[in-house]
Amino acid sequence: MYAVIVTGGKQYKVAEGEFLRVEKLEAETGSTISFDRVLLIGNGDDVTIGAPVIDGATVTAEINSHGRGDKIRIIKFRRRKHHMKRQGHRQWYTEIKITGISA
């Protein structure tokens, strides 16, 4: 069984028991969170599609950890203008484990 959820402005295809890194969620490590914006639920050939979400469907997950991703380096360079700008960025994330999908 799998589902497509929306969190942090992005869509993720999830299955029960898998680990996933999503945008940072304001919750404590070890707590349980539920996602109610479920766009699709599939179980073999049986697929349920929402318009835009499925009413009453939830995906529950347990929060494993919080952290920051790898550094991304941004360089802006203008040739012949004596201009170069450097910047770095590390995005915050929350690692979750999907514990259940219910329609």
PDB file of N, CA and C in Angstrom:
ATOM      1  N   MET A   1       0.847  -1.178   0.000  1.00  0.00           N
ATOM      2  CA  MET A   1       0.000   0.000   0.000  1.00  0.00           C
ATOM      3  C   MET A   1       0.889   1.236   0.000  1.00  0.00           C
ATOM      4  N   TYR A   2       0.525   2.221  -0.803  1.00  0.00           N
ATOM      5  CA  TYR A   2       1.281   3.459  -0.882  1.00  0.00           C
ATOM      6  C   TYR A   2       0.320   4.633  -0.934  1.00  0.00           C
ATOM      7  N   ALA A   3       0.867   5.821  -0.689  1.00  0.00           N
ATOM      8  CA  ALA A   3       0.060   7.044  -0.716  1.00  0.00           C
ATOM      9  C   ALA A   3       0.931   8.191  -1.198  1.00  0.00           C
ATOM     10  N   VAL A   4       0.278   9.249  -1.668  1.00  0.00           N
ATOM     11  CA  VAL A   4       0.957  10.485  -2.052  1.00  0.00           C
ATOM     12  C   VAL A   4       0.458  11.567  -1.104  1.00  0.00           C
ATOM     13  N   ILE A   5       1.389  12.190  -0.361  1.00  0.00           N
ATOM     14  CA  ILE A   5       1.032  13.216   0.617  1.00  0.00           C
ATOM     15  C   ILE A   5       1.667  14.540   0.227  1.00  0.00           C
ATOM     16  N   VAL A   6       1.144  15.612   0.822  1.00  0.00           N
ATOM     17  CA  VAL A   6       1.692  16.953   0.608  1.00  0.00           C
ATOM     18  C   VAL A   6       2.162  17.488   1.956  1.00  0.00           C
ATOM     19  N   THR A   7       3.429  17.899   2.019  1.00  0.00           N
ATOM     20  CA  THR A   7       3.958  18.554   3.197  1.00  0.00           C
ATOM     21  C   THR A   7       5.102  19.460   2.768  1.00  0.00           C
ATOM     22  N   GLY A   8       5.150  20.649   3.324  1.00  0.00           N
ATOM     23  CA  GLY A   8       6.204  21.593   2.990  1.00  0.00           C
ATOM     24  C   GLY A   8       6.156  22.079   1.555  1.00  0.00           C
ATOM     25  N   GLY A   9       4.972  22.051   0.936  1.00  0.00           N
ATOM     26  CA  GLY A   9       4.848  22.499  -0.439  1.00  0.00           C
ATOM     27  C   GLY A   9       5.318  21.496  -1.469  1.00  0.00           C
ATOM     28  N   LYS A  10       5.634  20.280  -1.044  1.00  0.00           N
ATOM     29  CA  LYS A  10       6.107  19.242  -1.961  1.00  0.00           C
ATOM     30  C   LYS A  10       5.243  17.996  -1.812  1.00  0.00           C
ATOM     31  N   GLN A  11       5.233  17.163  -2.849  1.00  0.00           N
ATOM     32  CA  GLN A  11       4.484  15.916  -2.834  1.00  0.00           C
ATOM     33  C   GLN A  11       5.458  14.752  -2.705  1.00  0.00           C
ATOM     34  N   TYR A  12       5.099  13.783  -1.854  1.00  0.00           N
ATOM     35  CA  TYR A  12       5.949  12.630  -1.606  1.00  0.00           C
ATOM     36  C   TYR A  12       5.128  11.358  -1.752  1.00  0.00           C
ATOM     37  N   LYS A  13       5.695  10.368  -2.436  1.00  0.00           N
ATOM     38  CA  LYS A  13       5.083   9.039  -2.501  1.00  0.00           C
ATOM     39  C   LYS A  13       5.665   8.238  -1.345  1.00  0.00           C
ATOM     40  N   VAL A  14       4.808   7.743  -0.452  1.00  0.00           N
ATOM     41  CA  VAL A  14       5.271   7.066   0.756  1.00  0.00           C
ATOM     42  C   VAL A  14       4.641   5.684   0.852  1.00  0.00           C
ATOM     43  N   ALA A  15       5.351   4.786   1.513  1.00  0.00           N
ATOM     44  CA  ALA A  15       4.856   3.456   1.823  1.00  0.00           C
ATOM     45  C   ALA A  15       5.141   3.186   3.286  1.00  0.00           C
ATOM     46  N   GLU A  16       4.405   2.275   3.869  1.00  0.00           N
ATOM     47  CA  GLU A  16       4.542   1.989   5.291  1.00  0.00           C
ATOM     48  C   GLU A  16       5.915   1.382   5.580  1.00  0.00           C
ATOM     49  N   GLY A  17       6.586   1.908   6.607  1.00  0.00           N
ATOM     50  CA  GLY A  17       7.878   1.399   7.026  1.00  0.00           C
ATOM     51  C   GLY A  17       9.073   2.107   6.421  1.00  0.00           C
ATOM     52  N   GLU A  18       8.875   3.028   5.485  1.00  0.00           N
ATOM     53  CA  GLU A  18      10.025   3.685   4.868  1.00  0.00           C
ATOM     54  C   GLU A  18      10.383   4.978   5.586  1.00  0.00           C
ATOM     55  N   PHE A  19      11.659   5.369   5.454  1.00  0.00           N
ATOM     56  CA  PHE A  19      12.173   6.599   6.042  1.00  0.00           C
ATOM     57  C   PHE A  19      12.192   7.677   4.970  1.00  0.00           C
ATOM     58  N   LEU A  20      11.941   8.919   5.387  1.00  0.00           N
ATOM     59  CA  LEU A  20      11.789  10.012   4.432  1.00  0.00           C
ATOM     60  C   LEU A  20      12.286  11.302   5.068  1.00  0.00           C
ATOM     61  N   ARG A  21      12.970  12.139   4.278  1.00  0.00           N
ATOM     62  CA  ARG A  21      13.380  13.470   4.740  1.00  0.00           C
ATOM     63  C   ARG A  21      12.462  14.502   4.114  1.00  0.00           C
ATOM     64  N   VAL A  22      11.790  15.279   4.976  1.00  0.00           N
ATOM     65  CA  VAL A  22      10.869  16.314   4.522  1.00  0.00           C
ATOM     66  C   VAL A  22      11.333  17.659   5.069  1.00  0.00           C
ATOM     67  N   GLU A  23      10.684  18.731   4.623  1.00  0.00           N
ATOM     68  CA  GLU A  23      10.988  20.054   5.154  1.00  0.00           C
ATOM     69  C   GLU A  23      10.766  20.043   6.666  1.00  0.00           C
ATOM     70  N   LYS A  24      11.471  20.913   7.380  1.00  0.00           N
ATOM     71  CA  LYS A  24      11.449  20.910   8.837  1.00  0.00           C
ATOM     72  C   LYS A  24      10.035  21.051   9.389  1.00  0.00           C
ATOM     73  N   LEU A  25       9.690  20.151  10.321  1.00  0.00           N
ATOM     74  CA  LEU A  25       8.402  20.172  11.013  1.00  0.00           C
ATOM     75  C   LEU A  25       8.638  20.557  12.462  1.00  0.00           C
ATOM     76  N   GLU A  26       7.760  21.370  13.013  1.00  0.00           N
ATOM     77  CA  GLU A  26       7.890  21.821  14.397  1.00  0.00           C
ATOM     78  C   GLU A  26       7.270  20.787  15.328  1.00  0.00           C
ATOM     79  N   ALA A  27       8.017  19.751  15.629  1.00  0.00           N
ATOM     80  CA  ALA A  27       7.576  18.707  16.554  1.00  0.00           C
ATOM     81  C   ALA A  27       8.819  18.075  17.180  1.00  0.00           C
ATOM     82  N   GLU A  28       8.646  17.439  18.331  1.00  0.00           N
ATOM     83  CA  GLU A  28       9.764  16.859  19.048  1.00  0.00           C
ATOM     84  C   GLU A  28      10.133  15.492  18.490  1.00  0.00           C
ATOM     85  N   THR A  29      11.390  15.127  18.662  1.00  0.00           N
ATOM     86  CA  THR A  29      11.867  13.814  18.236  1.00  0.00           C
ATOM     87  C   THR A  29      11.154  12.726  19.037  1.00  0.00           C
ATOM     88  N   GLY A  30      10.684  11.690  18.351  1.00  0.00           N
ATOM     89  CA  GLY A  30       9.971  10.598  19.004  1.00  0.00           C
ATOM     90  C   GLY A  30       8.464  10.763  19.010  1.00  0.00           C
ATOM     91  N   SER A  31       7.971  11.942  18.661  1.00  0.00           N
ATOM     92  CA  SER A  31       6.528  12.155  18.658  1.00  0.00           C
ATOM     93  C   SER A  31       5.909  11.636  17.362  1.00  0.00           C
ATOM     94  N   THR A  32       4.594  11.504  17.380  1.00  0.00           N
ATOM     95  CA  THR A  32       3.854  11.010  16.222  1.00  0.00           C
ATOM     96  C   THR A  32       3.129  12.171  15.566  1.00  0.00           C
ATOM     97  N   ILE A  33       3.149  12.185  14.246  1.00  0.00           N
ATOM     98  CA  ILE A  33       2.499  13.250  13.480  1.00  0.00           C
ATOM     99  C   ILE A  33       1.633  12.586  12.414  1.00  0.00           C
ATOM    100  N   SER A  34       0.546  13.259  12.053  1.00  0.00           N
ATOM    101  CA  SER A  34      -0.316  12.707  11.002  1.00  0.00           C
ATOM    102  C   SER A  34      -0.476  13.735   9.885  1.00  0.00           C
ATOM    103  N   PHE A  35      -0.472  13.242   8.671  1.00  0.00           N
ATOM    104  CA  PHE A  35      -0.650  14.072   7.483  1.00  0.00           C
ATOM    105  C   PHE A  35      -2.053  13.809   6.953  1.00  0.00           C
ATOM    106  N   ASP A  36      -2.876  14.867   6.872  1.00  0.00           N
ATOM    107  CA  ASP A  36      -4.246  14.691   6.398  1.00  0.00           C
ATOM    108  C   ASP A  36      -4.431  15.132   4.950  1.00  0.00           C
ATOM    109  N   ARG A  37      -3.405  15.723   4.361  1.00  0.00           N
ATOM    110  CA  ARG A  37      -3.480  16.107   2.941  1.00  0.00           C
ATOM    111  C   ARG A  37      -2.966  14.945   2.095  1.00  0.00           C
ATOM    112  N   VAL A  38      -3.821  13.956   1.872  1.00  0.00           N
ATOM    113  CA  VAL A  38      -3.488  12.762   1.108  1.00  0.00           C
ATOM    114  C   VAL A  38      -4.131  12.898  -0.269  1.00  0.00           C
ATOM    115  N   LEU A  39      -3.315  12.881  -1.314  1.00  0.00           N
ATOM    116  CA  LEU A  39      -3.813  13.068  -2.672  1.00  0.00           C
ATOM    117  C   LEU A  39      -4.221  11.768  -3.341  1.00  0.00           C
ATOM    118  N   LEU A  40      -3.571  10.652  -2.979  1.00  0.00           N
ATOM    119  CA  LEU A  40      -3.801   9.393  -3.664  1.00  0.00           C
ATOM    120  C   LEU A  40      -3.455   8.245  -2.731  1.00  0.00           C
ATOM    121  N   ILE A  41      -4.228   7.173  -2.799  1.00  0.00           N
ATOM    122  CA  ILE A  41      -3.918   5.946  -2.075  1.00  0.00           C
ATOM    123  C   ILE A  41      -4.026   4.798  -3.061  1.00  0.00           C
ATOM    124  N   GLY A  42      -2.981   3.974  -3.097  1.00  0.00           N
ATOM    125  CA  GLY A  42      -2.961   2.830  -4.001  1.00  0.00           C
ATOM    126  C   GLY A  42      -2.683   1.553  -3.246  1.00  0.00           C
ATOM    127  N   ASN A  43      -3.402   0.495  -3.635  1.00  0.00           N
ATOM    128  CA  ASN A  43      -3.213  -0.828  -3.039  1.00  0.00           C
ATOM    129  C   ASN A  43      -3.313  -1.836  -4.173  1.00  0.00           C
ATOM    130  N   GLY A  44      -2.188  -2.132  -4.806  1.00  0.00           N
ATOM    131  CA  GLY A  44      -2.200  -3.010  -5.969  1.00  0.00           C
ATOM    132  C   GLY A  44      -2.850  -2.300  -7.150  1.00  0.00           C
ATOM    133  N   ASP A  45      -3.889  -2.914  -7.711  1.00  0.00           N
ATOM    134  CA  ASP A  45      -4.610  -2.304  -8.841  1.00  0.00           C
ATOM    135  C   ASP A  45      -5.697  -1.339  -8.387  1.00  0.00           C
ATOM    136  N   ASP A  46      -6.007  -1.330  -7.087  1.00  0.00           N
ATOM    137  CA  ASP A  46      -7.047  -0.461  -6.549  1.00  0.00           C
ATOM    138  C   ASP A  46      -6.434   0.895  -6.193  1.00  0.00           C
ATOM    139  N   VAL A  47      -6.783   1.944  -6.946  1.00  0.00           N
ATOM    140  CA  VAL A  47      -6.228   3.282  -6.736  1.00  0.00           C
ATOM    141  C   VAL A  47      -7.366   4.255  -6.461  1.00  0.00           C
ATOM    142  N   THR A  48      -7.238   5.029  -5.376  1.00  0.00           N
ATOM    143  CA  THR A  48      -8.222   6.050  -5.028  1.00  0.00           C
ATOM    144  C   THR A  48      -7.561   7.416  -5.188  1.00  0.00           C
ATOM    145  N   ILE A  49      -8.182   8.264  -6.005  1.00  0.00           N
ATOM    146  CA  ILE A  49      -7.641   9.593  -6.277  1.00  0.00           C
ATOM    147  C   ILE A  49      -8.576  10.631  -5.683  1.00  0.00           C
ATOM    148  N   GLY A  50      -8.010  11.604  -4.969  1.00  0.00           N
ATOM    149  CA  GLY A  50      -8.806  12.659  -4.358  1.00  0.00           C
ATOM    150  C   GLY A  50      -9.047  13.805  -5.306  1.00  0.00           C
ATOM    151  N   ALA A  51      -9.953  14.686  -4.901  1.00  0.00           N
ATOM    152  CA  ALA A  51     -10.263  15.857  -5.715  1.00  0.00           C
ATOM    153  C   ALA A  51     -10.343  17.094  -4.829  1.00  0.00           C
ATOM    154  N   PRO A  52      -9.302  17.749  -4.423  1.00  0.00           N
ATOM    155  CA  PRO A  52      -7.895  17.390  -4.593  1.00  0.00           C
ATOM    156  C   PRO A  52      -7.368  16.436  -3.531  1.00  0.00           C
ATOM    157  N   VAL A  53      -8.041  16.320  -2.359  1.00  0.00           N
ATOM    158  CA  VAL A  53      -7.578  15.396  -1.321  1.00  0.00           C
ATOM    159  C   VAL A  53      -8.662  14.371  -1.038  1.00  0.00           C
ATOM    160  N   ILE A  54      -8.263  13.248  -0.430  1.00  0.00           N
ATOM    161  CA  ILE A  54      -9.199  12.199  -0.052  1.00  0.00           C
ATOM    162  C   ILE A  54      -9.725  12.521   1.340  1.00  0.00           C
ATOM    163  N   ASP A  55     -11.048  12.612   1.478  1.00  0.00           N
ATOM    164  CA  ASP A  55     -11.657  12.930   2.766  1.00  0.00           C
ATOM    165  C   ASP A  55     -11.472  11.774   3.743  1.00  0.00           C
ATOM    166  N   GLY A  56     -10.995  12.085   4.944  1.00  0.00           N
ATOM    167  CA  GLY A  56     -10.844  11.084   5.996  1.00  0.00           C
ATOM    168  C   GLY A  56      -9.581  10.251   5.917  1.00  0.00           C
ATOM    169  N   ALA A  57      -8.764  10.430   4.905  1.00  0.00           N
ATOM    170  CA  ALA A  57      -7.534   9.650   4.779  1.00  0.00           C
ATOM    171  C   ALA A  57      -6.413  10.323   5.556  1.00  0.00           C
ATOM    172  N   THR A  58      -5.624   9.523   6.260  1.00  0.00           N
ATOM    173  CA  THR A  58      -4.488  10.050   7.011  1.00  0.00           C
ATOM    174  C   THR A  58      -3.285   9.130   6.848  1.00  0.00           C
ATOM    175  N   VAL A  59      -2.124   9.716   6.949  1.00  0.00           N
ATOM    176  CA  VAL A  59      -0.865   8.978   6.978  1.00  0.00           C
ATOM    177  C   VAL A  59      -0.169   9.373   8.273  1.00  0.00           C
ATOM    178  N   THR A  60       0.165   8.386   9.098  1.00  0.00           N
ATOM    179  CA  THR A  60       0.821   8.666  10.371  1.00  0.00           C
ATOM    180  C   THR A  60       2.306   8.358  10.251  1.00  0.00           C
ATOM    181  N   ALA A  61       3.103   9.151  10.957  1.00  0.00           N
ATOM    182  CA  ALA A  61       4.553   8.994  10.910  1.00  0.00           C
ATOM    183  C   ALA A  61       5.143   9.318  12.269  1.00  0.00           C
ATOM    184  N   GLU A  62       6.312   8.754  12.524  1.00  0.00           N
ATOM    185  CA  GLU A  62       7.047   9.015  13.758  1.00  0.00           C
ATOM    186  C   GLU A  62       8.288   9.821  13.396  1.00  0.00           C
ATOM    187  N   ILE A  63       8.573  10.853  14.172  1.00  0.00           N
ATOM    188  CA  ILE A  63       9.721  11.712  13.898  1.00  0.00           C
ATOM    189  C   ILE A  63      10.978  11.087  14.490  1.00  0.00           C
ATOM    190  N   ASN A  64      11.966  10.827  13.613  1.00  0.00           N
ATOM    191  CA  ASN A  64      13.225  10.225  14.056  1.00  0.00           C
ATOM    192  C   ASN A  64      14.238  11.273  14.467  1.00  0.00           C
ATOM    193  N   SER A  65      14.464  12.280  13.617  1.00  0.00           N
ATOM    194  CA  SER A  65      15.504  13.257  13.920  1.00  0.00           C
ATOM    195  C   SER A  65      15.285  14.531  13.125  1.00  0.00           C
ATOM    196  N   HIS A  66      15.991  15.566  13.536  1.00  0.00           N
ATOM    197  CA  HIS A  66      16.051  16.824  12.817  1.00  0.00           C
ATOM    198  C   HIS A  66      17.505  17.036  12.426  1.00  0.00           C
ATOM    199  N   GLY A  67      17.720  17.774  11.348  1.00  0.00           N
ATOM    200  CA  GLY A  67      19.097  18.027  10.952  1.00  0.00           C
ATOM    201  C   GLY A  67      19.173  19.035   9.827  1.00  0.00           C
ATOM    202  N   ARG A  68      20.376  19.160   9.292  1.00  0.00           N
ATOM    203  CA  ARG A  68      20.614  20.065   8.174  1.00  0.00           C
ATOM    204  C   ARG A  68      21.284  19.288   7.053  1.00  0.00           C
ATOM    205  N   GLY A  69      20.897  19.610   5.827  1.00  0.00           N
ATOM    206  CA  GLY A  69      21.442  18.931   4.666  1.00  0.00           C
ATOM    207  C   GLY A  69      22.849  19.384   4.334  1.00  0.00           C
ATOM    208  N   ASP A  70      23.376  18.848   3.243  1.00  0.00           N
ATOM    209  CA  ASP A  70      24.707  19.226   2.781  1.00  0.00           C
ATOM    210  C   ASP A  70      24.709  20.676   2.311  1.00  0.00           C
ATOM    211  N   LYS A  71      25.888  21.295   2.371  1.00  0.00           N
ATOM    212  CA  LYS A  71      26.010  22.684   1.956  1.00  0.00           C
ATOM    213  C   LYS A  71      25.926  22.791   0.437  1.00  0.00           C
ATOM    214  N   ILE A  72      25.125  23.739  -0.014  1.00  0.00           N
ATOM    215  CA  ILE A  72      25.030  24.070  -1.428  1.00  0.00           C
ATOM    216  C   ILE A  72      25.749  25.394  -1.618  1.00  0.00           C
ATOM    217  N   ARG A  73      26.660  25.440  -2.567  1.00  0.00           N
ATOM    218  CA  ARG A  73      27.428  26.662  -2.820  1.00  0.00           C
ATOM    219  C   ARG A  73      26.829  27.405  -4.003  1.00  0.00           C
ATOM    220  N   ILE A  74      26.601  28.699  -3.810  1.00  0.00           N
ATOM    221  CA  ILE A  74      26.044  29.560  -4.845  1.00  0.00           C
ATOM    222  C   ILE A  74      27.119  30.566  -5.229  1.00  0.00           C
ATOM    223  N   ILE A  75      27.457  30.653  -6.510  1.00  0.00           N
ATOM    224  CA  ILE A  75      28.447  31.614  -6.993  1.00  0.00           C
ATOM    225  C   ILE A  75      27.817  32.421  -8.115  1.00  0.00           C
ATOM    226  N   LYS A  76      27.830  33.726  -7.962  1.00  0.00           N
ATOM    227  CA  LYS A  76      27.362  34.631  -9.013  1.00  0.00           C
ATOM    228  C   LYS A  76      28.581  35.375  -9.543  1.00  0.00           C
ATOM    229  N   PHE A  77      28.786  35.293 -10.839  1.00  0.00           N
ATOM    230  CA  PHE A  77      29.994  35.835 -11.451  1.00  0.00           C
ATOM    231  C   PHE A  77      29.622  36.601 -12.711  1.00  0.00           C
ATOM    232  N   ARG A  78      30.135  37.819 -12.817  1.00  0.00           N
ATOM    233  CA  ARG A  78      29.921  38.614 -14.024  1.00  0.00           C
ATOM    234  C   ARG A  78      31.285  38.858 -14.667  1.00  0.00           C
ATOM    235  N   ARG A  79      31.445  38.334 -15.854  1.00  0.00           N
ATOM    236  CA  ARG A  79      32.745  38.449 -16.513  1.00  0.00           C
ATOM    237  C   ARG A  79      33.037  39.902 -16.911  1.00  0.00           C
ATOM    238  N   ARG A  80      34.299  40.232 -16.840  1.00  0.00           N
ATOM    239  CA  ARG A  80      34.836  41.552 -17.218  1.00  0.00           C
ATOM    240  C   ARG A  80      34.307  42.697 -16.349  1.00  0.00           C
ATOM    241  N   LYS A  81      33.584  42.424 -15.272  1.00  0.00           N
ATOM    242  CA  LYS A  81      33.012  43.477 -14.426  1.00  0.00           C
ATOM    243  C   LYS A  81      33.650  43.520 -13.033  1.00  0.00           C
ATOM    244  N   HIS A  82      34.632  42.657 -12.796  1.00  0.00           N
ATOM    245  CA  HIS A  82      35.315  42.600 -11.499  1.00  0.00           C
ATOM    246  C   HIS A  82      34.303  42.348 -10.377  1.00  0.00           C
ATOM    247  N   HIS A  83      33.423  41.362 -10.617  1.00  0.00           N
ATOM    248  CA  HIS A  83      32.356  41.073  -9.654  1.00  0.00           C
ATOM    249  C   HIS A  83      32.206  39.563  -9.480  1.00  0.00           C
ATOM    250  N   MET A  84      32.294  39.100  -8.233  1.00  0.00           N
ATOM    251  CA  MET A  84      32.011  37.706  -7.908  1.00  0.00           C
ATOM    252  C   MET A  84      31.440  37.665  -6.505  1.00  0.00           C
ATOM    253  N   LYS A  85      30.341  36.932  -6.347  1.00  0.00           N
ATOM    254  CA  LYS A  85      29.656  36.846  -5.063  1.00  0.00           C
ATOM    255  C   LYS A  85      29.496  35.377  -4.712  1.00  0.00           C
ATOM    256  N   ARG A  86      29.873  35.006  -3.494  1.00  0.00           N
ATOM    257  CA  ARG A  86      29.760  33.623  -3.046  1.00  0.00           C
ATOM    258  C   ARG A  86      28.795  33.550  -1.873  1.00  0.00           C
ATOM    259  N   GLN A  87      28.028  32.465  -1.837  1.00  0.00           N
ATOM    260  CA  GLN A  87      27.064  32.264  -0.764  1.00  0.00           C
ATOM    261  C   GLN A  87      26.884  30.770  -0.557  1.00  0.00           C
ATOM    262  N   GLY A  88      26.563  30.366   0.670  1.00  0.00           N
ATOM    263  CA  GLY A  88      26.302  28.966   0.979  1.00  0.00           C
ATOM    264  C   GLY A  88      24.946  28.821   1.640  1.00  0.00           C
ATOM    265  N   HIS A  89      24.390  27.602   1.574  1.00  0.00           N
ATOM    266  CA  HIS A  89      23.071  27.358   2.164  1.00  0.00           C
ATOM    267  C   HIS A  89      22.984  25.919   2.629  1.00  0.00           C
ATOM    268  N   ARG A  90      22.441  25.711   3.835  1.00  0.00           N
ATOM    269  CA  ARG A  90      22.150  24.365   4.340  1.00  0.00           C
ATOM    270  C   ARG A  90      20.692  24.346   4.773  1.00  0.00           C
ATOM    271  N   GLN A  91      19.904  23.472   4.157  1.00  0.00           N
ATOM    272  CA  GLN A  91      18.467  23.409   4.404  1.00  0.00           C
ATOM    273  C   GLN A  91      18.171  22.521   5.613  1.00  0.00           C
ATOM    274  N   TRP A  92      17.280  22.972   6.478  1.00  0.00           N
ATOM    275  CA  TRP A  92      16.820  22.172   7.613  1.00  0.00           C
ATOM    276  C   TRP A  92      15.889  21.085   7.114  1.00  0.00           C
ATOM    277  N   TYR A  93      15.936  19.888   7.729  1.00  0.00           N
ATOM    278  CA  TYR A  93      15.036  18.798   7.376  1.00  0.00           C
ATOM    279  C   TYR A  93      14.607  18.049   8.627  1.00  0.00           C
ATOM    280  N   THR A  94      13.549  17.259   8.484  1.00  0.00           N
ATOM    281  CA  THR A  94      13.064  16.365   9.513  1.00  0.00           C
ATOM    282  C   THR A  94      12.990  14.975   8.903  1.00  0.00           C
ATOM    283  N   GLU A  95      13.608  14.006   9.546  1.00  0.00           N
ATOM    284  CA  GLU A  95      13.554  12.624   9.073  1.00  0.00           C
ATOM    285  C   GLU A  95      12.406  11.910   9.785  1.00  0.00           C
ATOM    286  N   ILE A  96      11.509  11.308   8.995  1.00  0.00           N
ATOM    287  CA  ILE A  96      10.346  10.635   9.561  1.00  0.00           C
ATOM    288  C   ILE A  96      10.304   9.188   9.093  1.00  0.00           C
ATOM    289  N   LYS A  97       9.588   8.364   9.856  1.00  0.00           N
ATOM    290  CA  LYS A  97       9.324   6.976   9.477  1.00  0.00           C
ATOM    291  C   LYS A  97       7.813   6.816   9.366  1.00  0.00           C
ATOM    292  N   ILE A  98       7.354   6.356   8.221  1.00  0.00           N
ATOM    293  CA  ILE A  98       5.917   6.182   7.981  1.00  0.00           C
ATOM    294  C   ILE A  98       5.462   4.937   8.752  1.00  0.00           C
ATOM    295  N   THR A  99       4.464   5.117   9.624  1.00  0.00           N
ATOM    296  CA  THR A  99       3.994   4.003  10.454  1.00  0.00           C
ATOM    297  C   THR A  99       2.641   3.457  10.031  1.00  0.00           C
ATOM    298  N   GLY A 100       1.829   4.256   9.315  1.00  0.00           N
ATOM    299  CA  GLY A 100       0.533   3.742   8.913  1.00  0.00           C
ATOM    300  C   GLY A 100      -0.140   4.592   7.860  1.00  0.00           C
ATOM    301  N   ILE A 101      -0.925   3.922   7.004  1.00  0.00           N
ATOM    302  CA  ILE A 101      -1.722   4.592   5.985  1.00  0.00           C
ATOM    303  C   ILE A 101      -3.149   4.101   6.159  1.00  0.00           C
ATOM    304  N   SER A 102      -4.077   5.056   6.356  1.00  0.00           N
ATOM    305  CA  SER A 102      -5.478   4.654   6.530  1.00  0.00           C
ATOM    306  C   SER A 102      -6.375   5.481   5.616  1.00  0.00           C
ATOM    307  N   ALA A 103      -7.321   4.795   5.003  1.00  0.00           N
ATOM    308  CA  ALA A 103      -8.268   5.478   4.122  1.00  0.00           C
ATOM    309  C   ALA A 103      -9.521   5.732   4.909  1.00  0.00           C
TER     310      ALA A 103
END
